[in-house]
């Protein structure tokens, strides 16, 4: 293995770890502490997008629950194995239903964090305006 390949392999775990998404609670904490700010227009677009996902999930939730049930396959051993495997993969830790349920419960917290971040932006914008006015008056 070349030095370049080895260096790339050594960096990959760090790159993956640095790409971890913040949970809604972490984002809300960041916004609460003033570490996350977003302007009104951008925040509204973000909220609309997230609310659209929530609405879509809720509208389709009954059908999505079908992934947690065994699909109607034959009674053969292979079909029964495949059916059970499909249910397990839909409902295990990384399964579709598990992930969608997590998103459905987490997205409202993201929206709350964005609203806090919008208030942070307004506050920071007002403070900057006051500071600039003070400098302008002194000049």
Protein backbone atom coordinates (compact mmCIF):
# COMPACT_ATOMS: atom_id res chain seq x y z
CA UNK A 1 0.00 0.00 0.00
CA UNK A 2 1.39 3.38 -0.95
CA UNK A 3 1.91 6.16 1.59
CA UNK A 4 -0.81 8.16 -0.14
CA UNK A 5 -3.35 5.32 0.15
CA UNK A 6 -2.44 4.74 3.78
CA UNK A 7 -2.80 8.45 4.54
CA UNK A 8 -6.21 8.50 2.88
CA UNK A 9 -7.37 5.50 4.91
CA UNK A 10 -6.17 7.09 8.13
CA UNK A 11 -8.11 10.31 7.39
CA UNK A 12 -11.38 8.61 6.45
CA UNK A 13 -12.53 7.85 10.02
CA UNK A 14 -11.87 11.46 11.02
CA UNK A 15 -13.79 12.77 8.03
CA UNK A 16 -16.76 10.53 8.86
CA UNK A 17 -16.74 11.63 12.50
CA UNK A 18 -16.61 15.30 11.54
CA UNK A 19 -19.68 14.91 9.32
CA UNK A 20 -21.95 13.73 12.15
CA UNK A 21 -25.18 15.66 12.10
CA UNK A 22 -26.30 17.56 15.16
CA UNK A 23 -29.40 16.28 16.88
CA UNK A 24 -32.32 18.63 17.26
CA UNK A 25 -31.50 19.01 20.95
CA UNK A 26 -27.86 19.86 20.16
CA UNK A 27 -28.93 22.40 17.54
CA UNK A 28 -31.47 23.93 19.95
CA UNK A 29 -28.77 24.17 22.64
CA UNK A 30 -26.43 25.81 20.14
CA UNK A 31 -29.15 28.32 19.21
CA UNK A 32 -30.04 28.93 22.87
CA UNK A 33 -26.40 29.73 23.63
CA UNK A 34 -26.17 32.11 20.66
CA UNK A 35 -23.91 29.86 18.62
CA UNK A 36 -26.38 29.53 15.76
CA UNK A 37 -28.08 32.42 14.00
CA UNK A 38 -30.01 32.60 10.75
CA UNK A 39 -31.71 35.48 8.96
CA UNK A 40 -35.51 35.61 8.78
CA UNK A 41 -35.86 34.70 5.10
CA UNK A 42 -33.45 31.76 5.19
CA UNK A 43 -34.95 30.53 8.46
CA UNK A 44 -38.47 30.60 7.02
CA UNK A 45 -37.35 28.60 3.99
CA UNK A 46 -35.69 26.05 6.26
CA UNK A 47 -38.79 25.80 8.44
CA UNK A 48 -41.06 25.40 5.41
CA UNK A 49 -38.88 22.60 4.07
CA UNK A 50 -38.79 20.76 7.40
CA UNK A 51 -42.52 21.26 7.94
CA UNK A 52 -43.13 19.85 4.45
CA UNK A 53 -41.24 16.70 5.41
CA UNK A 54 -43.22 16.38 8.65
CA UNK A 55 -46.51 16.87 6.81
CA UNK A 56 -45.52 14.31 4.19
CA UNK A 57 -44.53 11.75 6.81
CA UNK A 58 -47.75 12.26 8.73
CA UNK A 59 -49.88 11.99 5.58
CA UNK A 60 -48.18 8.72 4.62
CA UNK A 61 -47.58 7.29 8.07
CA UNK A 62 -50.27 4.59 7.90
CA UNK A 63 -48.87 3.26 4.60
CA UNK A 64 -45.28 3.47 5.87
CA UNK A 65 -46.23 1.29 8.85
CA UNK A 66 -46.78 -1.49 6.32
CA UNK A 67 -43.00 -1.88 6.06
CA UNK A 68 -43.05 -3.17 9.63
CA UNK A 69 -45.34 -6.05 8.71
CA UNK A 70 -44.49 -9.22 6.88
CA UNK A 71 -45.17 -8.89 3.16
CA UNK A 72 -47.56 -11.45 1.70
CA UNK A 73 -45.21 -14.04 0.23
CA UNK A 74 -45.62 -17.76 -0.25
CA UNK A 75 -45.44 -20.21 2.63
CA UNK A 76 -42.13 -21.70 1.50
CA UNK A 77 -39.11 -21.55 3.77
CA UNK A 78 -37.23 -19.11 1.51
CA UNK A 79 -40.22 -16.77 1.24
CA UNK A 80 -40.72 -16.84 4.99
CA UNK A 81 -37.02 -16.10 5.54
CA UNK A 82 -37.14 -13.19 3.09
CA UNK A 83 -40.33 -11.86 4.67
CA UNK A 84 -38.86 -11.93 8.17
CA UNK A 85 -35.63 -10.37 6.90
CA UNK A 86 -37.56 -7.52 5.25
CA UNK A 87 -39.38 -6.74 8.50
CA UNK A 88 -36.14 -6.86 10.52
CA UNK A 89 -34.34 -4.51 8.14
CA UNK A 90 -37.26 -2.07 8.16
CA UNK A 91 -37.49 -2.00 11.94
CA UNK A 92 -33.93 -2.53 13.18
CA UNK A 93 -31.71 0.29 14.48
CA UNK A 94 -30.87 1.54 10.99
CA UNK A 95 -34.12 0.49 9.36
CA UNK A 96 -36.36 2.70 7.26
CA UNK A 97 -39.20 2.85 9.79
CA UNK A 98 -36.82 3.46 12.67
CA UNK A 99 -35.13 6.31 10.83
CA UNK A 100 -38.41 7.84 9.67
CA UNK A 101 -39.85 7.67 13.20
CA UNK A 102 -36.74 9.36 14.52
CA UNK A 103 -36.99 12.08 11.85
CA UNK A 104 -40.68 12.57 12.57
CA UNK A 105 -39.96 13.16 16.26
CA UNK A 106 -36.70 15.11 15.74
CA UNK A 107 -37.74 17.59 13.03
CA UNK A 108 -39.98 19.73 15.29
CA UNK A 109 -36.93 20.31 17.50
CA UNK A 110 -34.97 21.49 14.45
CA UNK A 111 -37.79 23.93 13.69
CA UNK A 112 -37.68 25.20 17.26
CA UNK A 113 -33.89 25.65 16.98
CA UNK A 114 -34.27 27.60 13.73
CA UNK A 115 -36.80 29.93 15.35
CA UNK A 116 -34.34 30.53 18.20
CA UNK A 117 -31.59 31.13 15.63
CA UNK A 118 -33.79 33.70 13.87
CA UNK A 119 -34.19 35.56 17.18
CA UNK A 120 -30.40 35.36 17.64
CA UNK A 121 -29.90 36.88 14.21
CA UNK A 122 -32.32 39.73 14.92
CA UNK A 123 -30.62 40.39 18.24
CA UNK A 124 -27.13 40.31 16.70
CA UNK A 125 -28.32 42.51 13.84
CA UNK A 126 -29.76 45.06 16.28
CA UNK A 127 -26.56 45.03 18.34
CA UNK A 128 -24.46 45.55 15.23
CA UNK A 129 -26.72 48.42 14.14
CA UNK A 130 -26.43 50.04 17.56
CA UNK A 131 -22.65 49.65 17.52
CA UNK A 132 -22.37 51.12 14.03
CA UNK A 133 -24.62 54.04 14.98
CA UNK A 134 -22.46 54.68 18.02
CA UNK A 135 -19.30 54.75 15.88
CA UNK A 136 -21.01 56.94 13.29
CA UNK A 137 -22.16 59.42 15.96
CA UNK A 138 -18.65 59.61 17.42
CA UNK A 139 -17.04 60.24 14.05
